[in-house]
Every structure is written in C-alpha cells, then in structure tokens.
C-alpha cells in the first residue's frame, strides 16, 4: 500500500484493470485500485523463505519515511 485508504466519501466501482492500465497509472494519480491477486508460490520454498515477505517491492526509500534515528545513522555513514 503506497497511500492511506480513504476514511469517508468514497465509492466502490467493480473494475478489472488490464496489466497495461496498471503499468500506465501515474504514481500521484488521484484514483487507484485495490487488487486481489492469486500468487503461485512453490511449496518447496515455503520453509526456506519463511522469514521473508511474500511479495516484496523494489523501491528507493526516501529519507522522510525513516525515523530520526535512522536518518542520524545515515549521516554517520556519509
């Protein structure tokens, strides 16, 4: 989830966006989707990957997302 869910005045519309629709969606778009997906994950990897998140994202972490403590650590490494 990249943004908080709305608390009021929202409407559900059943929509089936295509893969192209999802890829073309701008990051700062006013509207978005909540997607339900089926993931296939080989059973032989379950135990091996038990400590990892199931569907991680690759994204750059911004300084404003981190705590003051984390930011202070970064300053000591630079």
PDB file of N, CA and C in Angstrom:
ATOM      1  N   UNK A   1       0.847  -1.161   0.000  1.00  0.00           N
ATOM      2  CA  UNK A   1       0.000   0.000   0.000  1.00  0.00           C
ATOM      3  C   UNK A   1       0.896   1.229   0.000  1.00  0.00           C
ATOM      4  N   UNK A   2       0.665   2.109  -0.916  1.00  0.00           N
ATOM      5  CA  UNK A   2       1.514   3.288  -1.020  1.00  0.00           C
ATOM      6  C   UNK A   2       0.875   4.541  -0.445  1.00  0.00           C
ATOM      7  N   UNK A   3      -0.420   4.519  -0.221  1.00  0.00           N
ATOM      8  CA  UNK A   3      -1.125   5.676   0.342  1.00  0.00           C
ATOM      9  C   UNK A   3      -2.189   5.178   1.311  1.00  0.00           C
ATOM     10  N   UNK A   4      -2.571   6.027   2.277  1.00  0.00           N
ATOM     11  CA  UNK A   4      -3.620   5.613   3.208  1.00  0.00           C
ATOM     12  C   UNK A   4      -4.955   5.389   2.474  1.00  0.00           C
ATOM     13  N   UNK A   5      -5.738   4.473   2.982  1.00  0.00           N
ATOM     14  CA  UNK A   5      -7.066   4.249   2.421  1.00  0.00           C
ATOM     15  C   UNK A   5      -7.989   5.395   2.824  1.00  0.00           C
ATOM     16  N   UNK A   6      -8.979   5.715   1.997  1.00  0.00           N
ATOM     17  CA  UNK A   6      -9.917   6.789   2.365  1.00  0.00           C
ATOM     18  C   UNK A   6     -10.761   6.379   3.562  1.00  0.00           C
ATOM     19  N   UNK A   7     -11.169   7.374   4.354  1.00  0.00           N
ATOM     20  CA  UNK A   7     -11.980   7.107   5.538  1.00  0.00           C
ATOM     21  C   UNK A   7     -13.461   7.390   5.305  1.00  0.00           C
ATOM     22  N   UNK A   8     -13.768   8.231   4.317  1.00  0.00           N
ATOM     23  CA  UNK A   8     -15.166   8.570   4.040  1.00  0.00           C
ATOM     24  C   UNK A   8     -15.287   9.085   2.614  1.00  0.00           C
ATOM     25  N   UNK A   9     -16.542   9.201   2.187  1.00  0.00           N
ATOM     26  CA  UNK A   9     -16.868   9.776   0.870  1.00  0.00           C
ATOM     27  C   UNK A   9     -16.167   9.070  -0.291  1.00  0.00           C
ATOM     28  N   UNK A  10     -16.080   7.764  -0.235  1.00  0.00           N
ATOM     29  CA  UNK A  10     -15.513   7.022  -1.352  1.00  0.00           C
ATOM     30  C   UNK A  10     -16.571   6.082  -1.907  1.00  0.00           C
ATOM     31  N   UNK A  11     -16.392   5.679  -3.143  1.00  0.00           N
ATOM     32  CA  UNK A  11     -17.343   4.783  -3.791  1.00  0.00           C
ATOM     33  C   UNK A  11     -16.594   3.613  -4.394  1.00  0.00           C
ATOM     34  N   UNK A  12     -17.151   2.414  -4.217  1.00  0.00           N
ATOM     35  CA  UNK A  12     -16.583   1.216  -4.816  1.00  0.00           C
ATOM     36  C   UNK A  12     -17.160   1.057  -6.215  1.00  0.00           C
ATOM     37  N   UNK A  13     -16.307   0.812  -7.178  1.00  0.00           N
ATOM     38  CA  UNK A  13     -16.744   0.506  -8.536  1.00  0.00           C
ATOM     39  C   UNK A  13     -16.057  -0.785  -8.947  1.00  0.00           C
ATOM     40  N   UNK A  14     -16.816  -1.803  -9.299  1.00  0.00           N
ATOM     41  CA  UNK A  14     -16.167  -3.030  -9.761  1.00  0.00           C
ATOM     42  C   UNK A  14     -15.477  -2.775 -11.109  1.00  0.00           C
ATOM     43  N   UNK A  15     -14.171  -2.894 -11.119  1.00  0.00           N
ATOM     44  CA  UNK A  15     -13.368  -2.620 -12.302  1.00  0.00           C
ATOM     45  C   UNK A  15     -12.341  -3.735 -12.455  1.00  0.00           C
ATOM     46  N   UNK A  16     -12.029  -4.077 -13.676  1.00  0.00           N
ATOM     47  CA  UNK A  16     -10.984  -5.063 -13.946  1.00  0.00           C
ATOM     48  C   UNK A  16      -9.906  -4.385 -14.785  1.00  0.00           C
ATOM     49  N   UNK A  17      -8.952  -3.688 -14.138  1.00  0.00           N
ATOM     50  CA  UNK A  17      -7.914  -3.030 -14.930  1.00  0.00           C
ATOM     51  C   UNK A  17      -7.020  -4.059 -15.612  1.00  0.00           C
ATOM     52  N   UNK A  18      -6.572  -3.706 -16.796  1.00  0.00           N
ATOM     53  CA  UNK A  18      -5.638  -4.586 -17.501  1.00  0.00           C
ATOM     54  C   UNK A  18      -4.236  -4.346 -16.962  1.00  0.00           C
ATOM     55  N   UNK A  19      -3.322  -5.220 -17.306  1.00  0.00           N
ATOM     56  CA  UNK A  19      -1.926  -5.045 -16.898  1.00  0.00           C
ATOM     57  C   UNK A  19      -1.391  -3.713 -17.430  1.00  0.00           C
ATOM     58  N   UNK A  20      -1.796  -3.370 -18.650  1.00  0.00           N
ATOM     59  CA  UNK A  20      -1.366  -2.102 -19.250  1.00  0.00           C
ATOM     60  C   UNK A  20      -1.909  -0.912 -18.450  1.00  0.00           C
ATOM     61  N   UNK A  21      -3.179  -0.994 -18.004  1.00  0.00           N
ATOM     62  CA  UNK A  21      -3.759   0.076 -17.178  1.00  0.00           C
ATOM     63  C   UNK A  21      -2.949   0.276 -15.901  1.00  0.00           C
ATOM     64  N   UNK A  22      -2.573  -0.817 -15.279  1.00  0.00           N
ATOM     65  CA  UNK A  22      -1.832  -0.760 -14.014  1.00  0.00           C
ATOM     66  C   UNK A  22      -0.450  -0.147 -14.237  1.00  0.00           C
ATOM     67  N   UNK A  23       0.233  -0.560 -15.290  1.00  0.00           N
ATOM     68  CA  UNK A  23       1.576  -0.051 -15.569  1.00  0.00           C
ATOM     69  C   UNK A  23       1.539   1.435 -15.915  1.00  0.00           C
ATOM     70  N   UNK A  24       0.495   1.876 -16.634  1.00  0.00           N
ATOM     71  CA  UNK A  24       0.397   3.277 -17.057  1.00  0.00           C
ATOM     72  C   UNK A  24      -0.067   4.217 -15.942  1.00  0.00           C
ATOM     73  N   UNK A  25      -0.594   3.668 -14.843  1.00  0.00           N
ATOM     74  CA  UNK A  25      -1.122   4.510 -13.760  1.00  0.00           C
ATOM     75  C   UNK A  25      -0.004   5.347 -13.168  1.00  0.00           C
ATOM     76  N   UNK A  26      -0.212   6.655 -13.098  1.00  0.00           N
ATOM     77  CA  UNK A  26       0.790   7.554 -12.531  1.00  0.00           C
ATOM     78  C   UNK A  26       0.820   7.405 -11.024  1.00  0.00           C
ATOM     79  N   UNK A  27       2.013   7.532 -10.445  1.00  0.00           N
ATOM     80  CA  UNK A  27       2.195   7.337  -9.011  1.00  0.00           C
ATOM     81  C   UNK A  27       1.366   8.313  -8.178  1.00  0.00           C
ATOM     82  N   UNK A  28       1.184   9.524  -8.667  1.00  0.00           N
ATOM     83  CA  UNK A  28       0.445  10.526  -7.905  1.00  0.00           C
ATOM     84  C   UNK A  28      -1.003  10.689  -8.386  1.00  0.00           C
ATOM     85  N   UNK A  29      -1.540   9.683  -9.066  1.00  0.00           N
ATOM     86  CA  UNK A  29      -2.919   9.751  -9.555  1.00  0.00           C
ATOM     87  C   UNK A  29      -3.900   9.859  -8.392  1.00  0.00           C
ATOM     88  N   UNK A  30      -4.989  10.566  -8.612  1.00  0.00           N
ATOM     89  CA  UNK A  30      -5.997  10.766  -7.563  1.00  0.00           C
ATOM     90  C   UNK A  30      -6.731   9.458  -7.239  1.00  0.00           C
ATOM     91  N   UNK A  31      -6.978   8.646  -8.243  1.00  0.00           N
ATOM     92  CA  UNK A  31      -7.694   7.386  -8.052  1.00  0.00           C
ATOM     93  C   UNK A  31      -6.751   6.213  -8.268  1.00  0.00           C
ATOM     94  N   UNK A  32      -7.095   5.101  -7.657  1.00  0.00           N
ATOM     95  CA  UNK A  32      -6.294   3.897  -7.822  1.00  0.00           C
ATOM     96  C   UNK A  32      -7.160   2.671  -7.677  1.00  0.00           C
ATOM     97  N   UNK A  33      -6.545   1.534  -7.436  1.00  0.00           N
ATOM     98  CA  UNK A  33      -7.272   0.274  -7.301  1.00  0.00           C
ATOM     99  C   UNK A  33      -6.802  -0.472  -6.072  1.00  0.00           C
ATOM    100  N   UNK A  34      -7.674  -1.289  -5.553  1.00  0.00           N
ATOM    101  CA  UNK A  34      -7.298  -2.312  -4.582  1.00  0.00           C
ATOM    102  C   UNK A  34      -7.406  -3.611  -5.372  1.00  0.00           C
ATOM    103  N   UNK A  35      -6.298  -4.311  -5.492  1.00  0.00           N
ATOM    104  CA  UNK A  35      -6.257  -5.502  -6.329  1.00  0.00           C
ATOM    105  C   UNK A  35      -6.213  -6.767  -5.486  1.00  0.00           C
ATOM    106  N   UNK A  36      -6.985  -7.739  -5.890  1.00  0.00           N
ATOM    107  CA  UNK A  36      -6.899  -9.072  -5.297  1.00  0.00           C
ATOM    108  C   UNK A  36      -6.170  -9.935  -6.314  1.00  0.00           C
ATOM    109  N   UNK A  37      -5.092 -10.552  -5.885  1.00  0.00           N
ATOM    110  CA  UNK A  37      -4.287 -11.334  -6.817  1.00  0.00           C
ATOM    111  C   UNK A  37      -4.076 -12.749  -6.291  1.00  0.00           C
ATOM    112  N   UNK A  38      -3.860 -13.657  -7.189  1.00  0.00           N
ATOM    113  CA  UNK A  38      -3.503 -15.029  -6.851  1.00  0.00           C
ATOM    114  C   UNK A  38      -2.027 -15.205  -7.174  1.00  0.00           C
ATOM    115  N   UNK A  39      -1.259 -15.574  -6.170  1.00  0.00           N
ATOM    116  CA  UNK A  39       0.163 -15.800  -6.370  1.00  0.00           C
ATOM    117  C   UNK A  39       0.453 -17.296  -6.292  1.00  0.00           C
ATOM    118  N   UNK A  40       1.264 -17.766  -7.196  1.00  0.00           N
ATOM    119  CA  UNK A  40       1.709 -19.149  -7.134  1.00  0.00           C
ATOM    120  C   UNK A  40       3.091 -19.154  -6.512  1.00  0.00           C
ATOM    121  N   UNK A  41       3.234 -19.899  -5.435  1.00  0.00           N
ATOM    122  CA  UNK A  41       4.494 -19.911  -4.695  1.00  0.00           C
ATOM    123  C   UNK A  41       4.836 -21.364  -4.400  1.00  0.00           C
ATOM    124  N   UNK A  42       5.905 -21.868  -4.988  1.00  0.00           N
ATOM    125  CA  UNK A  42       6.218 -23.294  -4.839  1.00  0.00           C
ATOM    126  C   UNK A  42       6.338 -23.725  -3.372  1.00  0.00           C
ATOM    127  N   UNK A  43       5.697 -24.812  -3.039  1.00  0.00           N
ATOM    128  CA  UNK A  43       5.676 -25.302  -1.664  1.00  0.00           C
ATOM    129  C   UNK A  43       7.082 -25.585  -1.125  1.00  0.00           C
ATOM    130  N   UNK A  44       7.989 -26.031  -1.989  1.00  0.00           N
ATOM    131  CA  UNK A  44       9.344 -26.353  -1.531  1.00  0.00           C
ATOM    132  C   UNK A  44      10.114 -25.102  -1.083  1.00  0.00           C
ATOM    133  N   UNK A  45       9.627 -23.923  -1.408  1.00  0.00           N
ATOM    134  CA  UNK A  45      10.296 -22.692  -0.989  1.00  0.00           C
ATOM    135  C   UNK A  45       9.704 -22.096   0.297  1.00  0.00           C
ATOM    136  N   UNK A  46       8.568 -22.595   0.743  1.00  0.00           N
ATOM    137  CA  UNK A  46       7.891 -22.026   1.915  1.00  0.00           C
ATOM    138  C   UNK A  46       8.804 -21.958   3.129  1.00  0.00           C
ATOM    139  N   UNK A  47       9.403 -23.073   3.505  1.00  0.00           N
ATOM    140  CA  UNK A  47      10.255 -23.109   4.697  1.00  0.00           C
ATOM    141  C   UNK A  47      11.516 -22.274   4.506  1.00  0.00           C
ATOM    142  N   UNK A  48      12.094 -22.349   3.321  1.00  0.00           N
ATOM    143  CA  UNK A  48      13.320 -21.614   3.027  1.00  0.00           C
ATOM    144  C   UNK A  48      13.118 -20.099   3.093  1.00  0.00           C
ATOM    145  N   UNK A  49      11.936 -19.642   2.692  1.00  0.00           N
ATOM    146  CA  UNK A  49      11.636 -18.208   2.633  1.00  0.00           C
ATOM    147  C   UNK A  49      10.732 -17.740   3.776  1.00  0.00           C
ATOM    148  N   UNK A  50      10.616 -18.513   4.803  1.00  0.00           N
ATOM    149  CA  UNK A  50       9.701 -18.241   5.909  1.00  0.00           C
ATOM    150  C   UNK A  50       9.926 -16.878   6.568  1.00  0.00           C
ATOM    151  N   UNK A  51      11.148 -16.385   6.585  1.00  0.00           N
ATOM    152  CA  UNK A  51      11.459 -15.121   7.255  1.00  0.00           C
ATOM    153  C   UNK A  51      11.359 -13.910   6.325  1.00  0.00           C
ATOM    154  N   UNK A  52      10.978 -14.129   5.088  1.00  0.00           N
ATOM    155  CA  UNK A  52      10.920 -13.046   4.109  1.00  0.00           C
ATOM    156  C   UNK A  52       9.476 -12.670   3.799  1.00  0.00           C
ATOM    157  N   UNK A  53       9.216 -11.420   3.403  1.00  0.00           N
ATOM    158  CA  UNK A  53       7.860 -11.053   2.985  1.00  0.00           C
ATOM    159  C   UNK A  53       7.484 -11.782   1.694  1.00  0.00           C
ATOM    160  N   UNK A  54       6.203 -12.066   1.526  1.00  0.00           N
ATOM    161  CA  UNK A  54       5.759 -12.870   0.385  1.00  0.00           C
ATOM    162  C   UNK A  54       5.928 -12.152  -0.952  1.00  0.00           C
ATOM    163  N   UNK A  55       5.524 -10.899  -1.036  1.00  0.00           N
ATOM    164  CA  UNK A  55       5.576 -10.191  -2.321  1.00  0.00           C
ATOM    165  C   UNK A  55       6.227  -8.821  -2.125  1.00  0.00           C
ATOM    166  N   UNK A  56       7.534  -8.784  -1.930  1.00  0.00           N
ATOM    167  CA  UNK A  56       8.195  -7.501  -1.678  1.00  0.00           C
ATOM    168  C   UNK A  56       8.232  -6.625  -2.922  1.00  0.00           C
ATOM    169  N   UNK A  57       8.375  -5.332  -2.682  1.00  0.00           N
ATOM    170  CA  UNK A  57       8.532  -4.372  -3.765  1.00  0.00           C
ATOM    171  C   UNK A  57       9.963  -3.854  -3.762  1.00  0.00           C
ATOM    172  N   UNK A  58      10.460  -3.531  -4.926  1.00  0.00           N
ATOM    173  CA  UNK A  58      11.770  -2.892  -5.009  1.00  0.00           C
ATOM    174  C   UNK A  58      11.514  -1.400  -5.190  1.00  0.00           C
ATOM    175  N   UNK A  59      11.853  -0.626  -4.170  1.00  0.00           N
ATOM    176  CA  UNK A  59      11.688   0.815  -4.289  1.00  0.00           C
ATOM    177  C   UNK A  59      12.736   1.511  -3.447  1.00  0.00           C
ATOM    178  N   UNK A  60      13.059   2.707  -3.846  1.00  0.00           N
ATOM    179  CA  UNK A  60      14.032   3.503  -3.115  1.00  0.00           C
ATOM    180  C   UNK A  60      13.346   4.118  -1.895  1.00  0.00           C
ATOM    181  N   UNK A  61      13.966   3.976  -0.740  1.00  0.00           N
ATOM    182  CA  UNK A  61      13.408   4.514   0.499  1.00  0.00           C
ATOM    183  C   UNK A  61      13.790   5.979   0.614  1.00  0.00           C
ATOM    184  N   UNK A  62      12.803   6.821   0.851  1.00  0.00           N
ATOM    185  CA  UNK A  62      13.051   8.261   0.989  1.00  0.00           C
ATOM    186  C   UNK A  62      13.387   8.585   2.436  1.00  0.00           C
ATOM    187  N   UNK A  63      14.215   9.595   2.632  1.00  0.00           N
ATOM    188  CA  UNK A  63      14.620   9.983   3.986  1.00  0.00           C
ATOM    189  C   UNK A  63      13.423  10.325   4.871  1.00  0.00           C
ATOM    190  N   UNK A  64      12.398  10.953   4.303  1.00  0.00           N
ATOM    191  CA  UNK A  64      11.244  11.345   5.123  1.00  0.00           C
ATOM    192  C   UNK A  64      10.423  10.151   5.616  1.00  0.00           C
ATOM    193  N   UNK A  65      10.635   8.975   5.040  1.00  0.00           N
ATOM    194  CA  UNK A  65       9.952   7.779   5.507  1.00  0.00           C
ATOM    195  C   UNK A  65      10.627   7.173   6.738  1.00  0.00           C
ATOM    196  N   UNK A  66      11.862   7.576   7.001  1.00  0.00           N
ATOM    197  CA  UNK A  66      12.641   6.970   8.077  1.00  0.00           C
ATOM    198  C   UNK A  66      12.528   7.771   9.371  1.00  0.00           C
ATOM    199  N   UNK A  67      12.808   7.103  10.453  1.00  0.00           N
ATOM    200  CA  UNK A  67      12.783   7.752  11.764  1.00  0.00           C
ATOM    201  C   UNK A  67      13.994   8.674  11.907  1.00  0.00           C
ATOM    202  N   UNK A  68      13.942   9.537  12.912  1.00  0.00           N
ATOM    203  CA  UNK A  68      15.084  10.417  13.188  1.00  0.00           C
ATOM    204  C   UNK A  68      16.342   9.591  13.463  1.00  0.00           C
ATOM    205  N   UNK A  69      16.156   8.486  14.171  1.00  0.00           N
ATOM    206  CA  UNK A  69      17.292   7.623  14.487  1.00  0.00           C
ATOM    207  C   UNK A  69      17.924   7.053  13.211  1.00  0.00           C
ATOM    208  N   UNK A  70      17.101   6.561  12.306  1.00  0.00           N
ATOM    209  CA  UNK A  70      17.628   6.008  11.056  1.00  0.00           C
ATOM    210  C   UNK A  70      18.359   7.083  10.253  1.00  0.00           C
ATOM    211  N   UNK A  71      17.776   8.265  10.192  1.00  0.00           N
ATOM    212  CA  UNK A  71      18.426   9.359   9.468  1.00  0.00           C
ATOM    213  C   UNK A  71      19.754   9.744  10.121  1.00  0.00           C
ATOM    214  N   UNK A  72      19.816   9.684  11.460  1.00  0.00           N
ATOM    215  CA  UNK A  72      21.073  10.019  12.134  1.00  0.00           C
ATOM    216  C   UNK A  72      22.156   8.988  11.811  1.00  0.00           C
ATOM    217  N   UNK A  73      21.777   7.738  11.644  1.00  0.00           N
ATOM    218  CA  UNK A  73      22.745   6.706  11.278  1.00  0.00           C
ATOM    219  C   UNK A  73      23.293   6.938   9.881  1.00  0.00           C
ATOM    220  N   UNK A  74      22.431   7.353   8.969  1.00  0.00           N
ATOM    221  CA  UNK A  74      22.867   7.616   7.599  1.00  0.00           C
ATOM    222  C   UNK A  74      23.903   8.728   7.589  1.00  0.00           C
ATOM    223  N   UNK A  75      23.687   9.753   8.387  1.00  0.00           N
ATOM    224  CA  UNK A  75      24.617  10.883   8.426  1.00  0.00           C
ATOM    225  C   UNK A  75      26.003  10.456   8.894  1.00  0.00           C
ATOM    226  N   UNK A  76      26.065   9.449   9.755  1.00  0.00           N
ATOM    227  CA  UNK A  76      27.377   8.981  10.233  1.00  0.00           C
ATOM    228  C   UNK A  76      28.095   8.154   9.186  1.00  0.00           C
ATOM    229  N   UNK A  77      27.371   7.567   8.224  1.00  0.00           N
ATOM    230  CA  UNK A  77      27.980   6.743   7.181  1.00  0.00           C
ATOM    231  C   UNK A  77      28.470   7.569   6.002  1.00  0.00           C
ATOM    232  N   UNK A  78      27.955   8.774   5.856  1.00  0.00           N
ATOM    233  CA  UNK A  78      28.310   9.595   4.697  1.00  0.00           C
ATOM    234  C   UNK A  78      29.622  10.292   4.920  1.00  0.00           C
TER     235      UNK A  78
END
